[in-house]
């Protein structure tokens, strides 16, 4: 993957983490950012590696599904 893609994705994830406010505008912005990251992942899936490092985005998706 391109390093610019990974950097952009990391910046979006950081922005979503910063927007933890409970006001409506923060929630809307966080949802937009999270959907954008999901679309980026669909367009460029990450290679699967066996590791003991936890991927927080993957963990959140699994928790949301259950």
N, C-alpha and C. Protein backbone atom coordinates (compact mmCIF):
# COMPACT_ATOMS: atom_id res chain seq x y z
N UNK A 1 0.82 -1.17 0.00
CA UNK A 1 0.00 0.00 0.00
C UNK A 1 0.87 1.24 0.00
N UNK A 2 0.32 2.28 -0.56
CA UNK A 2 1.05 3.53 -0.58
C UNK A 2 1.17 4.12 0.82
N UNK A 3 2.31 4.69 1.08
CA UNK A 3 2.51 5.29 2.41
C UNK A 3 1.56 6.46 2.63
N UNK A 4 1.20 7.19 1.56
CA UNK A 4 0.27 8.31 1.71
C UNK A 4 -1.12 7.81 2.09
N UNK A 5 -1.51 6.65 1.55
CA UNK A 5 -2.79 6.05 1.91
C UNK A 5 -2.80 5.70 3.40
N UNK A 6 -1.74 5.04 3.85
CA UNK A 6 -1.66 4.65 5.25
C UNK A 6 -1.64 5.87 6.17
N UNK A 7 -0.92 6.90 5.76
CA UNK A 7 -0.85 8.12 6.56
C UNK A 7 -2.22 8.79 6.63
N UNK A 8 -2.92 8.87 5.51
CA UNK A 8 -4.25 9.48 5.49
C UNK A 8 -5.21 8.70 6.38
N UNK A 9 -5.13 7.38 6.30
CA UNK A 9 -6.00 6.53 7.11
C UNK A 9 -5.70 6.73 8.59
N UNK A 10 -4.44 6.80 8.96
CA UNK A 10 -4.06 7.03 10.35
C UNK A 10 -4.57 8.38 10.85
N UNK A 11 -4.46 9.41 10.01
CA UNK A 11 -4.95 10.74 10.40
C UNK A 11 -6.46 10.73 10.61
N UNK A 12 -7.18 10.02 9.75
CA UNK A 12 -8.64 9.94 9.92
C UNK A 12 -9.00 9.20 11.20
N UNK A 13 -8.28 8.13 11.51
CA UNK A 13 -8.55 7.40 12.75
C UNK A 13 -8.26 8.26 13.97
N UNK A 14 -7.20 9.05 13.91
CA UNK A 14 -6.89 9.96 15.02
C UNK A 14 -7.98 11.02 15.18
N UNK A 15 -8.45 11.55 14.06
CA UNK A 15 -9.51 12.55 14.11
C UNK A 15 -10.78 11.97 14.73
N UNK A 16 -11.11 10.74 14.36
CA UNK A 16 -12.29 10.09 14.93
C UNK A 16 -12.13 9.89 16.43
N UNK A 17 -10.92 9.56 16.87
CA UNK A 17 -10.67 9.37 18.30
C UNK A 17 -10.78 10.69 19.05
N UNK A 18 -10.38 11.78 18.42
CA UNK A 18 -10.45 13.10 19.07
C UNK A 18 -11.90 13.53 19.23
N UNK A 19 -12.75 13.19 18.27
CA UNK A 19 -14.14 13.62 18.29
C UNK A 19 -14.99 12.69 19.16
N UNK A 20 -14.73 12.68 20.43
CA UNK A 20 -15.47 11.82 21.35
C UNK A 20 -16.55 12.59 22.10
N UNK A 21 -16.82 13.82 21.67
CA UNK A 21 -17.85 14.62 22.34
C UNK A 21 -19.22 14.03 22.15
N UNK A 22 -20.14 14.37 23.04
CA UNK A 22 -21.49 13.83 22.96
C UNK A 22 -22.44 14.74 22.19
N UNK A 23 -21.95 15.91 21.75
CA UNK A 23 -22.83 16.80 21.01
C UNK A 23 -23.08 16.24 19.60
N UNK A 24 -24.17 16.66 19.01
CA UNK A 24 -24.63 16.11 17.73
C UNK A 24 -23.62 16.32 16.62
N UNK A 25 -23.01 17.47 16.56
CA UNK A 25 -22.05 17.77 15.48
C UNK A 25 -20.82 16.87 15.56
N UNK A 26 -20.30 16.65 16.76
CA UNK A 26 -19.15 15.76 16.93
C UNK A 26 -19.50 14.34 16.53
N UNK A 27 -20.68 13.89 16.90
CA UNK A 27 -21.10 12.54 16.53
C UNK A 27 -21.24 12.39 15.02
N UNK A 28 -21.80 13.39 14.36
CA UNK A 28 -21.94 13.34 12.90
C UNK A 28 -20.58 13.30 12.22
N UNK A 29 -19.66 14.15 12.67
CA UNK A 29 -18.32 14.16 12.09
C UNK A 29 -17.59 12.85 12.32
N UNK A 30 -17.72 12.29 13.54
CA UNK A 30 -17.09 11.01 13.84
C UNK A 30 -17.66 9.90 12.94
N UNK A 31 -18.97 9.90 12.73
CA UNK A 31 -19.59 8.91 11.85
C UNK A 31 -19.10 9.04 10.42
N UNK A 32 -18.97 10.25 9.94
CA UNK A 32 -18.47 10.48 8.58
C UNK A 32 -17.05 9.95 8.44
N UNK A 33 -16.21 10.25 9.43
CA UNK A 33 -14.82 9.80 9.38
C UNK A 33 -14.75 8.28 9.45
N UNK A 34 -15.53 7.67 10.33
CA UNK A 34 -15.50 6.21 10.44
C UNK A 34 -16.00 5.53 9.17
N UNK A 35 -17.00 6.10 8.52
CA UNK A 35 -17.48 5.54 7.25
C UNK A 35 -16.43 5.71 6.16
N UNK A 36 -15.72 6.84 6.17
CA UNK A 36 -14.67 7.07 5.18
C UNK A 36 -13.55 6.05 5.34
N UNK A 37 -13.15 5.79 6.58
CA UNK A 37 -12.11 4.78 6.83
C UNK A 37 -12.59 3.41 6.38
N UNK A 38 -13.85 3.09 6.64
CA UNK A 38 -14.39 1.79 6.21
C UNK A 38 -14.38 1.68 4.69
N UNK A 39 -14.73 2.75 4.00
CA UNK A 39 -14.69 2.74 2.53
C UNK A 39 -13.26 2.59 2.03
N UNK A 40 -12.32 3.23 2.71
CA UNK A 40 -10.91 3.10 2.32
C UNK A 40 -10.45 1.66 2.50
N UNK A 41 -10.89 1.02 3.58
CA UNK A 41 -10.52 -0.38 3.82
C UNK A 41 -11.12 -1.29 2.76
N UNK A 42 -12.34 -1.00 2.34
CA UNK A 42 -12.97 -1.81 1.30
C UNK A 42 -12.22 -1.67 -0.02
N UNK A 43 -11.73 -0.48 -0.30
CA UNK A 43 -11.02 -0.23 -1.56
C UNK A 43 -9.62 -0.85 -1.53
N UNK A 44 -8.97 -0.83 -0.37
CA UNK A 44 -7.61 -1.34 -0.23
C UNK A 44 -7.52 -2.20 1.02
N UNK A 45 -7.95 -3.45 0.94
CA UNK A 45 -7.88 -4.29 2.15
C UNK A 45 -6.45 -4.48 2.62
N UNK A 46 -6.29 -4.49 3.92
CA UNK A 46 -4.96 -4.69 4.50
C UNK A 46 -4.56 -6.15 4.38
N UNK A 47 -3.28 -6.39 4.14
CA UNK A 47 -2.83 -7.79 4.12
C UNK A 47 -2.94 -8.39 5.51
N UNK A 48 -3.39 -9.63 5.58
CA UNK A 48 -3.55 -10.31 6.86
C UNK A 48 -2.21 -10.88 7.30
N UNK A 49 -1.80 -10.54 8.49
CA UNK A 49 -0.58 -11.08 9.06
C UNK A 49 -0.89 -11.65 10.43
N UNK A 50 -0.16 -12.66 10.79
CA UNK A 50 -0.32 -13.25 12.11
C UNK A 50 0.57 -12.47 13.06
N UNK A 51 -0.06 -11.91 14.08
CA UNK A 51 0.67 -11.04 14.98
C UNK A 51 -0.02 -11.04 16.34
N UNK A 52 0.70 -10.63 17.34
CA UNK A 52 0.10 -10.50 18.66
C UNK A 52 -0.29 -9.04 18.93
N UNK A 53 -0.30 -8.21 17.90
CA UNK A 53 -0.67 -6.81 18.03
C UNK A 53 -2.17 -6.68 17.74
N UNK A 54 -2.88 -5.99 18.61
CA UNK A 54 -4.32 -5.81 18.47
C UNK A 54 -4.61 -4.66 17.52
N UNK A 55 -5.44 -4.92 16.51
CA UNK A 55 -5.90 -3.88 15.59
C UNK A 55 -7.20 -3.33 16.17
N UNK A 56 -7.16 -2.08 16.68
CA UNK A 56 -8.31 -1.52 17.36
C UNK A 56 -9.51 -1.38 16.43
N UNK A 57 -9.31 -1.02 15.17
CA UNK A 57 -10.42 -0.89 14.23
C UNK A 57 -11.10 -2.24 14.03
N UNK A 58 -10.31 -3.27 13.88
CA UNK A 58 -10.86 -4.62 13.71
C UNK A 58 -11.60 -5.06 14.98
N UNK A 59 -11.04 -4.74 16.13
CA UNK A 59 -11.67 -5.09 17.40
C UNK A 59 -13.02 -4.38 17.53
N UNK A 60 -13.08 -3.08 17.20
CA UNK A 60 -14.34 -2.34 17.27
C UNK A 60 -15.39 -2.94 16.36
N UNK A 61 -14.97 -3.36 15.15
CA UNK A 61 -15.93 -3.97 14.22
C UNK A 61 -16.48 -5.27 14.78
N UNK A 62 -15.61 -6.10 15.36
CA UNK A 62 -16.06 -7.36 15.93
C UNK A 62 -17.02 -7.13 17.09
N UNK A 63 -16.72 -6.15 17.93
CA UNK A 63 -17.59 -5.85 19.08
C UNK A 63 -18.93 -5.31 18.58
N UNK A 64 -18.91 -4.47 17.54
CA UNK A 64 -20.14 -3.90 17.02
C UNK A 64 -21.04 -4.98 16.41
N UNK A 65 -20.43 -6.00 15.81
CA UNK A 65 -21.22 -7.08 15.18
C UNK A 65 -21.86 -7.99 16.21
N UNK A 66 -21.25 -8.09 17.40
CA UNK A 66 -21.81 -9.04 18.38
C UNK A 66 -22.75 -8.38 19.35
